[in-house]
Protein backbone atom coordinates (compact mmCIF):
# COMPACT_ATOMS: atom_id res chain seq x y z
CA MET A 1 -68.13 40.89 -100.35
CA SER A 2 -69.88 41.69 -103.61
CA ALA A 3 -72.82 43.85 -104.57
CA ASP A 4 -76.09 42.37 -105.79
CA PRO A 5 -76.70 43.85 -109.27
CA ALA A 6 -80.46 43.79 -108.68
CA ARG A 7 -80.07 45.70 -105.41
CA PRO A 8 -77.11 48.11 -105.51
CA ASP A 9 -77.79 48.94 -101.84
CA CYS A 10 -77.23 45.31 -100.78
CA GLN A 11 -73.75 44.09 -99.97
CA GLN A 12 -73.42 40.32 -99.81
CA ALA A 13 -70.82 37.82 -98.75
CA GLU A 14 -70.19 34.59 -100.61
CA ARG A 15 -73.46 32.67 -100.84
CA ARG A 16 -73.99 29.33 -99.16
CA ASP A 17 -76.55 26.67 -100.01
CA TRP A 18 -77.16 24.51 -96.97
CA HIS A 19 -79.26 21.88 -98.76
CA SER A 20 -76.04 20.16 -99.74
CA LEU A 21 -74.59 19.96 -96.23
CA PRO A 22 -75.81 16.86 -94.39
CA SER A 23 -74.76 16.41 -90.78
CA GLU A 24 -72.90 13.36 -89.53
CA ASN A 25 -76.16 11.48 -88.95
CA GLY A 26 -77.47 12.36 -92.43
CA ALA A 27 -79.92 15.07 -91.35
CA ILE A 28 -80.00 18.26 -93.39
CA ILE A 29 -78.51 21.27 -91.63
CA VAL A 30 -80.84 24.28 -91.64
CA PRO A 31 -78.98 27.23 -90.14
CA ASP A 32 -80.55 30.03 -88.22
CA TYR A 33 -80.05 33.59 -89.30
CA LEU A 34 -80.39 36.80 -87.34
CA LEU A 35 -82.09 39.68 -89.10
CA TYR A 36 -81.19 42.98 -87.47
CA ILE A 37 -83.56 45.84 -88.28
CA LEU A 38 -81.73 49.18 -88.29
CA ASP A 39 -82.97 52.74 -88.38
CA ALA A 40 -81.73 55.29 -90.91
CA GLU A 41 -78.71 56.02 -88.68
CA ASN A 42 -77.85 52.29 -88.36
CA TYR A 43 -79.06 51.95 -84.76
CA LEU A 44 -80.59 48.61 -83.84
CA ILE A 45 -84.39 48.72 -83.66
CA ASP A 46 -85.27 45.03 -83.54
CA ALA A 47 -83.89 41.55 -84.20
CA LYS A 48 -85.57 38.44 -85.54
CA ARG A 49 -84.27 34.87 -85.66
CA VAL A 50 -85.30 32.92 -88.75
CA PHE A 51 -84.51 29.45 -90.07
CA CYS A 52 -83.77 29.35 -93.79
CA SER A 53 -82.25 26.79 -96.14
CA THR A 54 -80.27 29.33 -98.14
CA ASP A 55 -78.82 32.81 -97.90
CA ASP A 56 -81.29 33.90 -100.58
CA GLU A 57 -84.24 32.88 -98.39
CA ALA A 58 -82.84 34.89 -95.48
CA LEU A 59 -82.25 37.91 -97.72
CA THR A 60 -85.80 37.66 -99.06
CA GLN A 61 -87.26 37.62 -95.55
CA ALA A 62 -85.13 40.61 -94.57
CA ALA A 63 -86.15 42.53 -97.70
CA GLU A 64 -89.80 42.19 -96.64
CA MET A 65 -88.97 44.07 -93.42
CA VAL A 66 -87.11 46.95 -95.08
CA THR A 67 -89.02 50.24 -95.24
CA GLU A 68 -88.20 53.84 -96.14
CA GLN A 69 -87.10 54.41 -92.53
CA GLN A 70 -85.33 51.14 -91.76
CA GLY A 71 -82.81 48.80 -93.32
CA ALA A 72 -81.52 45.38 -92.27
CA GLU A 73 -78.42 43.29 -91.73
CA ILE A 74 -78.53 39.53 -92.17
CA TRP A 75 -76.12 37.36 -90.19
CA GLU A 76 -75.48 33.62 -90.11
CA ARG A 77 -73.46 33.17 -86.92
CA THR A 78 -70.41 35.44 -87.36
CA ARG A 79 -70.80 35.79 -91.14
CA LEU A 80 -72.45 38.89 -92.58
CA VAL A 81 -74.70 37.59 -95.35
CA GLY A 82 -75.95 40.97 -96.54
CA LYS A 83 -76.96 44.49 -95.65
CA LEU A 84 -80.06 46.18 -97.05
CA ALA A 85 -80.37 49.95 -97.02
CA PRO A 86 -83.72 51.62 -96.37
CA ARG A 87 -85.92 51.78 -99.48
CA GLU A 88 -85.93 54.89 -101.58
CA PRO A 89 -89.02 57.05 -100.97
CA THR A 90 -91.78 56.57 -103.54
CA ASP A 91 -93.35 59.96 -104.14
């Protein structure tokens, strides 16, 4: 897992681009991701299933849900794609 230099609070696994993975019948595979919304103590608050073509798309959707009080984990099946910490307070 490596850190995203733009977001030091985000740990990410190796990225995958699913546009290049056709199925046996030639259809493009679009995986589903689970976005887990966590409170400041890492307890599960909510979960959302999203369909994205890339890890970056899933991370972007998760980042839109992150607040000062809640972070997120992004999973594609059993693979942790990334973890976003709650935002820093803006005083």
